[in-house]
Amino acid sequence: MTEKKESFREAVLRLEFEYRIFVSFGIVIAVALLSLNTFDYLPSPFEALSSFLGIGRDWAQSAAYLIAAVFMVAASALRIWAGSTLSSHRMMAFQVQTDSLLTDPPYTLCRNPIYLADFTAFCGFAVVMPSIAVSLPFFLLLHYRRLIAYEQTELRGEYRLQFSTYEKFTPPFFPTLRSICRTILISRSVTFSKDGVRHNALYLLFVPGFIVASFTHNFFLALAIGLPAVFDWAIIHTIVGTADRKEAANAEE
């Protein structure tokens, strides 16, 4: 009975990992619809704070959008850096890639910098959306923890001693002071490759989008500017991942 439960759990985790892009989008779309439709009357967290502090609403909105733009810069830089190190085919593959264990920066900052970059981006969205949207980073974090648990089980099985040493010095998700200092010490430069930029710039257009919104106070204008890059990334991710999956299946046959 226990074996069947474990087997079922592993199957669910595997499917969640393989279809992680669709699960993530599902969470984002569900929370966004609730925020912008059902709970659109709620103020954003920054607006609520500014109201409490007696700061003008217009100023608060402009500041919130600029802060969101900074989040997008940080998320884009980290994701592109990590993607340049990982390569698009490994990152976009549906299955866990165990052909090598990456321990170079930014994989010294944490073991999952791409998930951290995505989490950072959605914290930026939560700043400017109705306050119910603060649940978005929380739900995504729960999803990422499950992905990380599944992925590191596979990697630990493949790289027992090496992975044990790696996880001893590198946190799974949130960087520590030690991992930040270590990354700074060993990172002589931050390298962005053409492949890394092309396949990890999904949040980049939100930078000008939120800057424009800081003047117009129009969140939907920011979405109109930023979303094309997200759709482009999602389409490419699905095409590359599906192609690699078919190749793997043909190789097994």
C-alpha atoms as a PDB file:
ATOM      1  CA  MET A   1       0.000   0.000   0.000  1.00  0.00           C
ATOM      2  CA  THR A   2       2.825   2.357   0.907  1.00  0.00           C
ATOM      3  CA  GLU A   3       4.650   1.598  -2.335  1.00  0.00           C
ATOM      4  CA  LYS A   4       1.539   2.429  -4.373  1.00  0.00           C
ATOM      5  CA  LYS A   5       1.153   5.761  -2.588  1.00  0.00           C
ATOM      6  CA  GLU A   6       4.814   6.601  -3.157  1.00  0.00           C
ATOM      7  CA  SER A   7       4.536   5.566  -6.792  1.00  0.00           C
ATOM      8  CA  PHE A   8       1.444   7.725  -7.282  1.00  0.00           C
ATOM      9  CA  ARG A   9       3.132  10.685  -5.571  1.00  0.00           C
ATOM     10  CA  GLU A  10       6.203  10.352  -7.779  1.00  0.00           C
ATOM     11  CA  ALA A  11       4.020  10.180 -10.880  1.00  0.00           C
ATOM     12  CA  VAL A  12       2.179  13.352  -9.863  1.00  0.00           C
ATOM     13  CA  LEU A  13       5.460  15.174  -9.163  1.00  0.00           C
ATOM     14  CA  ARG A  14       6.884  14.021 -12.490  1.00  0.00           C
ATOM     15  CA  LEU A  15       3.839  15.298 -14.388  1.00  0.00           C
ATOM     16  CA  GLU A  16       3.903  18.570 -12.475  1.00  0.00           C
ATOM     17  CA  PHE A  17       7.566  19.000 -13.378  1.00  0.00           C
ATOM     18  CA  GLU A  18       7.149  18.071 -17.035  1.00  0.00           C
ATOM     19  CA  TYR A  19       4.172  20.417 -17.467  1.00  0.00           C
ATOM     20  CA  ARG A  20       5.494  23.088 -15.089  1.00  0.00           C
ATOM     21  CA  ILE A  21       5.050  25.893 -17.611  1.00  0.00           C
ATOM     22  CA  PHE A  22       1.320  25.165 -17.877  1.00  0.00           C
ATOM     23  CA  VAL A  23       0.913  24.781 -14.102  1.00  0.00           C
ATOM     24  CA  SER A  24       2.709  28.080 -13.523  1.00  0.00           C
ATOM     25  CA  PHE A  25       0.609  29.870 -16.132  1.00  0.00           C
ATOM     26  CA  GLY A  26      -2.533  28.375 -14.631  1.00  0.00           C
ATOM     27  CA  ILE A  27      -1.660  29.775 -11.205  1.00  0.00           C
ATOM     28  CA  VAL A  28      -0.799  33.190 -12.651  1.00  0.00           C
ATOM     29  CA  ILE A  29      -3.964  33.398 -14.770  1.00  0.00           C
ATOM     30  CA  ALA A  30      -6.232  32.288 -11.891  1.00  0.00           C
ATOM     31  CA  VAL A  31      -4.803  34.838  -9.442  1.00  0.00           C
ATOM     32  CA  ALA A  32      -4.742  37.582 -12.095  1.00  0.00           C
ATOM     33  CA  LEU A  33      -8.410  37.046 -12.961  1.00  0.00           C
ATOM     34  CA  LEU A  34      -9.366  37.165  -9.285  1.00  0.00           C
ATOM     35  CA  SER A  35      -7.276  40.289  -8.750  1.00  0.00           C
ATOM     36  CA  LEU A  36      -8.360  42.265 -11.787  1.00  0.00           C
ATOM     37  CA  ASN A  37     -11.974  41.128 -11.937  1.00  0.00           C
ATOM     38  CA  THR A  38     -13.412  39.924  -8.626  1.00  0.00           C
ATOM     39  CA  PHE A  39     -11.186  41.882  -6.242  1.00  0.00           C
ATOM     40  CA  ASP A  40     -10.344  44.860  -8.449  1.00  0.00           C
ATOM     41  CA  TYR A  41     -11.779  47.237  -5.834  1.00  0.00           C
ATOM     42  CA  LEU A  42      -8.940  46.427  -3.432  1.00  0.00           C
ATOM     43  CA  PRO A  43      -5.937  48.796  -3.354  1.00  0.00           C
ATOM     44  CA  SER A  44      -2.464  47.537  -4.200  1.00  0.00           C
ATOM     45  CA  PRO A  45      -0.215  46.811  -1.193  1.00  0.00           C
ATOM     46  CA  PHE A  46       1.800  49.957  -1.895  1.00  0.00           C
ATOM     47  CA  GLU A  47      -1.340  52.086  -2.151  1.00  0.00           C
ATOM     48  CA  ALA A  48      -2.618  50.664   1.149  1.00  0.00           C
ATOM     49  CA  LEU A  49       0.696  51.465   2.818  1.00  0.00           C
ATOM     50  CA  SER A  50       0.775  54.988   1.365  1.00  0.00           C
ATOM     51  CA  SER A  51      -2.774  55.592   2.570  1.00  0.00           C
ATOM     52  CA  PHE A  52      -1.757  54.488   6.049  1.00  0.00           C
ATOM     53  CA  LEU A  53       1.259  56.829   5.934  1.00  0.00           C
ATOM     54  CA  GLY A  54      -0.772  59.710   4.499  1.00  0.00           C
ATOM     55  CA  ILE A  55       1.042  59.796   1.149  1.00  0.00           C
ATOM     56  CA  GLY A  56      -0.767  60.921  -2.015  1.00  0.00           C
ATOM     57  CA  ARG A  57      -2.364  58.149  -4.103  1.00  0.00           C
ATOM     58  CA  ASP A  58      -0.930  59.342  -7.432  1.00  0.00           C
ATOM     59  CA  TRP A  59       2.587  59.475  -6.025  1.00  0.00           C
ATOM     60  CA  ALA A  60       2.131  56.018  -4.496  1.00  0.00           C
ATOM     61  CA  GLN A  61       0.980  54.506  -7.796  1.00  0.00           C
ATOM     62  CA  SER A  62       3.902  56.007  -9.708  1.00  0.00           C
ATOM     63  CA  ALA A  63       6.377  54.770  -7.089  1.00  0.00           C
ATOM     64  CA  ALA A  64       4.825  51.279  -7.102  1.00  0.00           C
ATOM     65  CA  TYR A  65       5.167  50.955 -10.887  1.00  0.00           C
ATOM     66  CA  LEU A  66       8.787  52.102 -10.770  1.00  0.00           C
ATOM     67  CA  ILE A  67       9.507  49.576  -8.009  1.00  0.00           C
ATOM     68  CA  ALA A  68       7.873  46.884 -10.151  1.00  0.00           C
ATOM     69  CA  ALA A  69      10.161  47.906 -13.043  1.00  0.00           C
ATOM     70  CA  VAL A  70      13.188  47.417 -10.762  1.00  0.00           C
ATOM     71  CA  PHE A  71      11.898  43.927  -9.863  1.00  0.00           C
ATOM     72  CA  MET A  72      11.674  43.158 -13.602  1.00  0.00           C
ATOM     73  CA  VAL A  73      15.250  44.320 -14.180  1.00  0.00           C
ATOM     74  CA  ALA A  74      16.511  42.091 -11.353  1.00  0.00           C
ATOM     75  CA  ALA A  75      14.426  39.098 -12.499  1.00  0.00           C
ATOM     76  CA  SER A  76      15.521  39.497 -16.123  1.00  0.00           C
ATOM     77  CA  ALA A  77      19.205  39.847 -15.264  1.00  0.00           C
ATOM     78  CA  LEU A  78      19.202  36.780 -13.008  1.00  0.00           C
ATOM     79  CA  ARG A  79      17.174  34.656 -15.438  1.00  0.00           C
ATOM     80  CA  ILE A  80      19.310  35.571 -18.439  1.00  0.00           C
ATOM     81  CA  TRP A  81      22.501  34.918 -16.441  1.00  0.00           C
ATOM     82  CA  ALA A  82      21.226  31.528 -15.282  1.00  0.00           C
ATOM     83  CA  GLY A  83      19.882  30.673 -18.739  1.00  0.00           C
ATOM     84  CA  SER A  84      23.212  31.597 -20.342  1.00  0.00           C
ATOM     85  CA  THR A  85      24.924  29.124 -18.013  1.00  0.00           C
ATOM     86  CA  LEU A  86      22.300  26.386 -18.380  1.00  0.00           C
ATOM     87  CA  SER A  87      21.466  26.630 -22.139  1.00  0.00           C
ATOM     88  CA  SER A  88      17.964  26.767 -23.577  1.00  0.00           C
ATOM     89  CA  HIS A  89      17.669  23.093 -24.524  1.00  0.00           C
ATOM     90  CA  ARG A  90      18.426  21.935 -20.976  1.00  0.00           C
ATOM     91  CA  MET A  91      16.203  24.581 -19.438  1.00  0.00           C
ATOM     92  CA  MET A  92      13.243  23.982 -21.758  1.00  0.00           C
ATOM     93  CA  ALA A  93      13.394  20.181 -21.662  1.00  0.00           C
ATOM     94  CA  PHE A  94      10.304  18.594 -20.136  1.00  0.00           C
ATOM     95  CA  GLN A  95      12.294  15.985 -18.188  1.00  0.00           C
ATOM     96  CA  VAL A  96      14.958  16.594 -15.538  1.00  0.00           C
ATOM     97  CA  GLN A  97      18.353  16.891 -17.228  1.00  0.00           C
ATOM     98  CA  THR A  98      20.962  14.844 -15.344  1.00  0.00           C
ATOM     99  CA  ASP A  99      23.772  14.876 -17.922  1.00  0.00           C
ATOM    100  CA  SER A 100      25.688  17.418 -15.827  1.00  0.00           C
ATOM    101  CA  LEU A 101      25.485  19.186 -12.481  1.00  0.00           C
ATOM    102  CA  LEU A 102      25.840  22.958 -12.716  1.00  0.00           C
ATOM    103  CA  THR A 103      27.739  24.517  -9.823  1.00  0.00           C
ATOM    104  CA  ASP A 104      29.027  27.690 -11.501  1.00  0.00           C
ATOM    105  CA  PRO A 105      27.560  31.168 -10.811  1.00  0.00           C
ATOM    106  CA  PRO A 106      24.724  31.993 -10.527  1.00  0.00           C
ATOM    107  CA  TYR A 107      24.167  28.405  -9.374  1.00  0.00           C
ATOM    108  CA  THR A 108      26.318  29.301  -6.371  1.00  0.00           C
ATOM    109  CA  LEU A 109      23.768  31.929  -5.340  1.00  0.00           C
ATOM    110  CA  CYS A 110      21.104  29.243  -4.997  1.00  0.00           C
ATOM    111  CA  ARG A 111      20.463  25.887  -6.644  1.00  0.00           C
ATOM    112  CA  ASN A 112      17.455  27.187  -8.589  1.00  0.00           C
ATOM    113  CA  PRO A 113      18.166  30.749  -9.791  1.00  0.00           C
ATOM    114  CA  ILE A 114      15.637  30.550 -12.645  1.00  0.00           C
ATOM    115  CA  TYR A 115      12.797  29.821 -10.229  1.00  0.00           C
ATOM    116  CA  LEU A 116      14.119  32.622  -8.011  1.00  0.00           C
ATOM    117  CA  ALA A 117      14.057  35.006 -10.980  1.00  0.00           C
ATOM    118  CA  ASP A 118      10.439  34.090 -11.741  1.00  0.00           C
ATOM    119  CA  PHE A 119       9.499  34.511  -8.082  1.00  0.00           C
ATOM    120  CA  THR A 120      11.157  37.962  -8.069  1.00  0.00           C
ATOM    121  CA  ALA A 121       9.201  39.009 -11.161  1.00  0.00           C
ATOM    122  CA  PHE A 122       5.863  38.014  -9.664  1.00  0.00           C
ATOM    123  CA  CYS A 123       6.677  39.832  -6.444  1.00  0.00           C
ATOM    124  CA  GLY A 124       6.944  42.868  -8.714  1.00  0.00           C
ATOM    125  CA  PHE A 125       3.484  42.205 -10.131  1.00  0.00           C
ATOM    126  CA  ALA A 126       2.085  41.825  -6.621  1.00  0.00           C
ATOM    127  CA  VAL A 127       3.288  45.351  -5.774  1.00  0.00           C
ATOM    128  CA  VAL A 128       1.029  47.001  -8.368  1.00  0.00           C
ATOM    129  CA  MET A 129      -1.971  44.650  -8.504  1.00  0.00           C
ATOM    130  CA  PRO A 130      -4.900  44.579  -6.043  1.00  0.00           C
ATOM    131  CA  SER A 131      -3.724  43.272  -2.678  1.00  0.00           C
ATOM    132  CA  ILE A 132      -5.202  39.787  -3.220  1.00  0.00           C
ATOM    133  CA  ALA A 133      -2.322  39.313  -5.697  1.00  0.00           C
ATOM    134  CA  VAL A 134       0.158  38.971  -2.829  1.00  0.00           C
ATOM    135  CA  SER A 135      -1.009  35.343  -2.861  1.00  0.00           C
ATOM    136  CA  LEU A 136       0.587  34.900  -6.308  1.00  0.00           C
ATOM    137  CA  PRO A 137       4.230  34.636  -5.136  1.00  0.00           C
ATOM    138  CA  PHE A 138       3.041  32.424  -2.264  1.00  0.00           C
ATOM    139  CA  PHE A 139       1.271  29.897  -4.535  1.00  0.00           C
ATOM    140  CA  LEU A 140       4.166  29.898  -6.981  1.00  0.00           C
ATOM    141  CA  LEU A 141       6.589  29.285  -4.134  1.00  0.00           C
ATOM    142  CA  LEU A 142       4.600  26.193  -3.122  1.00  0.00           C
ATOM    143  CA  HIS A 143       4.723  25.013  -6.740  1.00  0.00           C
ATOM    144  CA  TYR A 144       8.480  25.664  -7.011  1.00  0.00           C
ATOM    145  CA  ARG A 145       9.169  23.765  -3.784  1.00  0.00           C
ATOM    146  CA  ARG A 146       7.525  20.684  -5.298  1.00  0.00           C
ATOM    147  CA  LEU A 147       9.511  21.060  -8.524  1.00  0.00           C
ATOM    148  CA  ILE A 148      12.740  21.466  -6.585  1.00  0.00           C
ATOM    149  CA  ALA A 149      12.004  18.407  -4.430  1.00  0.00           C
ATOM    150  CA  TYR A 150      11.440  16.266  -7.522  1.00  0.00           C
ATOM    151  CA  GLU A 151      14.420  17.625  -9.442  1.00  0.00           C
ATOM    152  CA  GLN A 152      16.927  17.317  -6.615  1.00  0.00           C
ATOM    153  CA  THR A 153      15.840  13.725  -5.963  1.00  0.00           C
ATOM    154  CA  GLU A 154      16.819  12.910  -9.548  1.00  0.00           C
ATOM    155  CA  LEU A 155      20.104  14.819  -9.307  1.00  0.00           C
ATOM    156  CA  ARG A 156      20.973  13.340  -5.930  1.00  0.00           C
ATOM    157  CA  GLY A 157      20.507   9.859  -7.358  1.00  0.00           C
ATOM    158  CA  GLU A 158      22.858  10.663 -10.252  1.00  0.00           C
ATOM    159  CA  TYR A 159      25.511  12.716  -8.400  1.00  0.00           C
ATOM    160  CA  ARG A 160      25.489  11.390  -4.855  1.00  0.00           C
ATOM    161  CA  LEU A 161      28.676  12.777  -3.302  1.00  0.00           C
ATOM    162  CA  GLN A 162      28.989  15.762  -5.643  1.00  0.00           C
ATOM    163  CA  PHE A 163      25.400  16.859  -5.030  1.00  0.00           C
ATOM    164  CA  SER A 164      25.770  16.325  -1.272  1.00  0.00           C
ATOM    165  CA  THR A 165      28.756  18.692  -1.259  1.00  0.00           C
ATOM    166  CA  TYR A 166      26.958  21.173  -3.503  1.00  0.00           C
ATOM    167  CA  GLU A 167      23.809  21.382  -1.379  1.00  0.00           C
ATOM    168  CA  LYS A 168      25.893  21.772   1.769  1.00  0.00           C
ATOM    169  CA  PHE A 169      27.184  25.148   0.551  1.00  0.00           C
ATOM    170  CA  THR A 170      24.319  26.305  -1.699  1.00  0.00           C
ATOM    171  CA  PRO A 171      20.711  26.917  -0.540  1.00  0.00           C
ATOM    172  CA  PRO A 172      17.875  25.486  -2.659  1.00  0.00           C
ATOM    173  CA  PHE A 173      15.991  28.729  -3.311  1.00  0.00           C
ATOM    174  CA  PHE A 174      16.533  31.858  -1.225  1.00  0.00           C
ATOM    175  CA  PRO A 175      20.174  33.029  -1.212  1.00  0.00           C
ATOM    176  CA  THR A 176      21.957  33.292   2.110  1.00  0.00           C
ATOM    177  CA  LEU A 177      24.591  35.842   3.086  1.00  0.00           C
ATOM    178  CA  ARG A 178      27.218  33.140   2.691  1.00  0.00           C
ATOM    179  CA  SER A 179      26.045  32.142  -0.795  1.00  0.00           C
ATOM    180  CA  ILE A 180      25.858  35.802  -1.883  1.00  0.00           C
ATOM    181  CA  CYS A 181      29.399  36.514  -0.649  1.00  0.00           C
ATOM    182  CA  ARG A 182      30.699  33.313  -2.241  1.00  0.00           C
ATOM    183  CA  THR A 183      29.092  34.210  -5.584  1.00  0.00           C
ATOM    184  CA  ILE A 184      30.590  37.698  -5.492  1.00  0.00           C
ATOM    185  CA  LEU A 185      34.029  36.314  -4.681  1.00  0.00           C
ATOM    186  CA  ILE A 186      34.161  33.729  -7.468  1.00  0.00           C
ATOM    187  CA  SER A 187      32.220  35.649 -10.147  1.00  0.00           C
ATOM    188  CA  ARG A 188      34.734  37.635 -12.122  1.00  0.00           C
ATOM    189  CA  SER A 189      32.040  38.768 -14.526  1.00  0.00           C
ATOM    190  CA  VAL A 190      28.381  38.208 -15.382  1.00  0.00           C
ATOM    191  CA  THR A 191      28.109  36.678 -18.834  1.00  0.00           C
ATOM    192  CA  PHE A 192      25.012  36.939 -21.001  1.00  0.00           C
ATOM    193  CA  SER A 193      24.997  34.722 -24.086  1.00  0.00           C
ATOM    194  CA  LYS A 194      22.833  35.203 -27.170  1.00  0.00           C
ATOM    195  CA  ASP A 195      21.016  31.964 -26.326  1.00  0.00           C
ATOM    196  CA  GLY A 196      20.475  33.092 -22.740  1.00  0.00           C
ATOM    197  CA  VAL A 197      19.010  36.442 -23.777  1.00  0.00           C
ATOM    198  CA  ARG A 198      16.804  35.010 -26.529  1.00  0.00           C
ATOM    199  CA  HIS A 199      15.187  32.396 -24.313  1.00  0.00           C
ATOM    200  CA  ASN A 200      14.994  34.219 -20.980  1.00  0.00           C
ATOM    201  CA  ALA A 201      13.915  37.782 -21.758  1.00  0.00           C
ATOM    202  CA  LEU A 202      10.245  37.144 -20.991  1.00  0.00           C
ATOM    203  CA  TYR A 203      10.063  39.896 -18.340  1.00  0.00           C
ATOM    204  CA  LEU A 204      12.249  42.426 -20.132  1.00  0.00           C
ATOM    205  CA  LEU A 205       9.469  44.316 -21.919  1.00  0.00           C
ATOM    206  CA  PHE A 206       7.728  44.859 -18.599  1.00  0.00           C
ATOM    207  CA  VAL A 207      10.550  47.240 -17.657  1.00  0.00           C
ATOM    208  CA  PRO A 208       9.466  49.928 -20.181  1.00  0.00           C
ATOM    209  CA  GLY A 209       5.863  48.803 -19.624  1.00  0.00           C
ATOM    210  CA  PHE A 210       5.922  49.647 -15.927  1.00  0.00           C
ATOM    211  CA  ILE A 211       7.896  52.840 -16.541  1.00  0.00           C
ATOM    212  CA  VAL A 212       5.152  53.983 -18.930  1.00  0.00           C
ATOM    213  CA  ALA A 213       2.548  52.928 -16.355  1.00  0.00           C
ATOM    214  CA  SER A 214       4.277  55.065 -13.723  1.00  0.00           C
ATOM    215  CA  PHE A 215       3.169  58.093 -15.781  1.00  0.00           C
ATOM    216  CA  THR A 216      -0.201  56.827 -17.027  1.00  0.00           C
ATOM    217  CA  HIS A 217      -1.226  54.734 -13.964  1.00  0.00           C
ATOM    218  CA  ASN A 218      -2.605  52.219 -16.453  1.00  0.00           C
ATOM    219  CA  PHE A 219      -1.730  48.619 -15.520  1.00  0.00           C
ATOM    220  CA  PHE A 220      -3.275  47.224 -18.707  1.00  0.00           C
ATOM    221  CA  LEU A 221      -0.946  49.385 -20.802  1.00  0.00           C
ATOM    222  CA  ALA A 222       1.996  47.786 -18.967  1.00  0.00           C
ATOM    223  CA  LEU A 223       0.528  44.367 -19.785  1.00  0.00           C
ATOM    224  CA  ALA A 224       0.101  45.292 -23.444  1.00  0.00           C
ATOM    225  CA  ILE A 225       3.775  46.260 -23.657  1.00  0.00           C
ATOM    226  CA  GLY A 226       5.128  43.348 -21.615  1.00  0.00           C
ATOM    227  CA  LEU A 227       3.040  40.316 -22.562  1.00  0.00           C
ATOM    228  CA  PRO A 228       4.301  39.800 -26.153  1.00  0.00           C
ATOM    229  CA  ALA A 229       7.680  38.699 -24.792  1.00  0.00           C
ATOM    230  CA  VAL A 230       5.963  36.265 -22.397  1.00  0.00           C
ATOM    231  CA  PHE A 231       3.875  34.714 -25.197  1.00  0.00           C
ATOM    232  CA  ASP A 232       6.961  34.459 -27.403  1.00  0.00           C
ATOM    233  CA  TRP A 233       8.829  32.640 -24.630  1.00  0.00           C
ATOM    234  CA  ALA A 234       5.915  30.297 -23.875  1.00  0.00           C
ATOM    235  CA  ILE A 235       5.571  29.271 -27.532  1.00  0.00           C
ATOM    236  CA  ILE A 236       9.296  28.644 -27.940  1.00  0.00           C
ATOM    237  CA  HIS A 237       9.468  26.788 -24.618  1.00  0.00           C
ATOM    238  CA  THR A 238       6.661  24.458 -25.712  1.00  0.00           C
ATOM    239  CA  ILE A 239       8.122  23.855 -29.196  1.00  0.00           C
ATOM    240  CA  VAL A 240      11.659  23.158 -27.952  1.00  0.00           C
ATOM    241  CA  GLY A 241      10.494  21.036 -25.029  1.00  0.00           C
ATOM    242  CA  THR A 242       8.125  18.983 -27.194  1.00  0.00           C
ATOM    243  CA  ALA A 243      10.799  18.422 -29.865  1.00  0.00           C
ATOM    244  CA  ASP A 244      13.334  17.247 -27.274  1.00  0.00           C
ATOM    245  CA  ARG A 245      10.741  14.927 -25.761  1.00  0.00           C
ATOM    246  CA  LYS A 246      10.010  13.326 -29.156  1.00  0.00           C
ATOM    247  CA  GLU A 247      13.750  12.874 -29.796  1.00  0.00           C
ATOM    248  CA  ALA A 248      14.180  11.203 -26.415  1.00  0.00           C
ATOM    249  CA  ALA A 249      11.240   8.881 -27.094  1.00  0.00           C
ATOM    250  CA  ASN A 250      12.629   7.941 -30.539  1.00  0.00           C
ATOM    251  CA  ALA A 251      16.062   7.273 -29.028  1.00  0.00           C
ATOM    252  CA  GLU A 252      14.530   4.889 -26.459  1.00  0.00           C
ATOM    253  CA  GLU A 253      12.762   2.979 -29.233  1.00  0.00           C
END
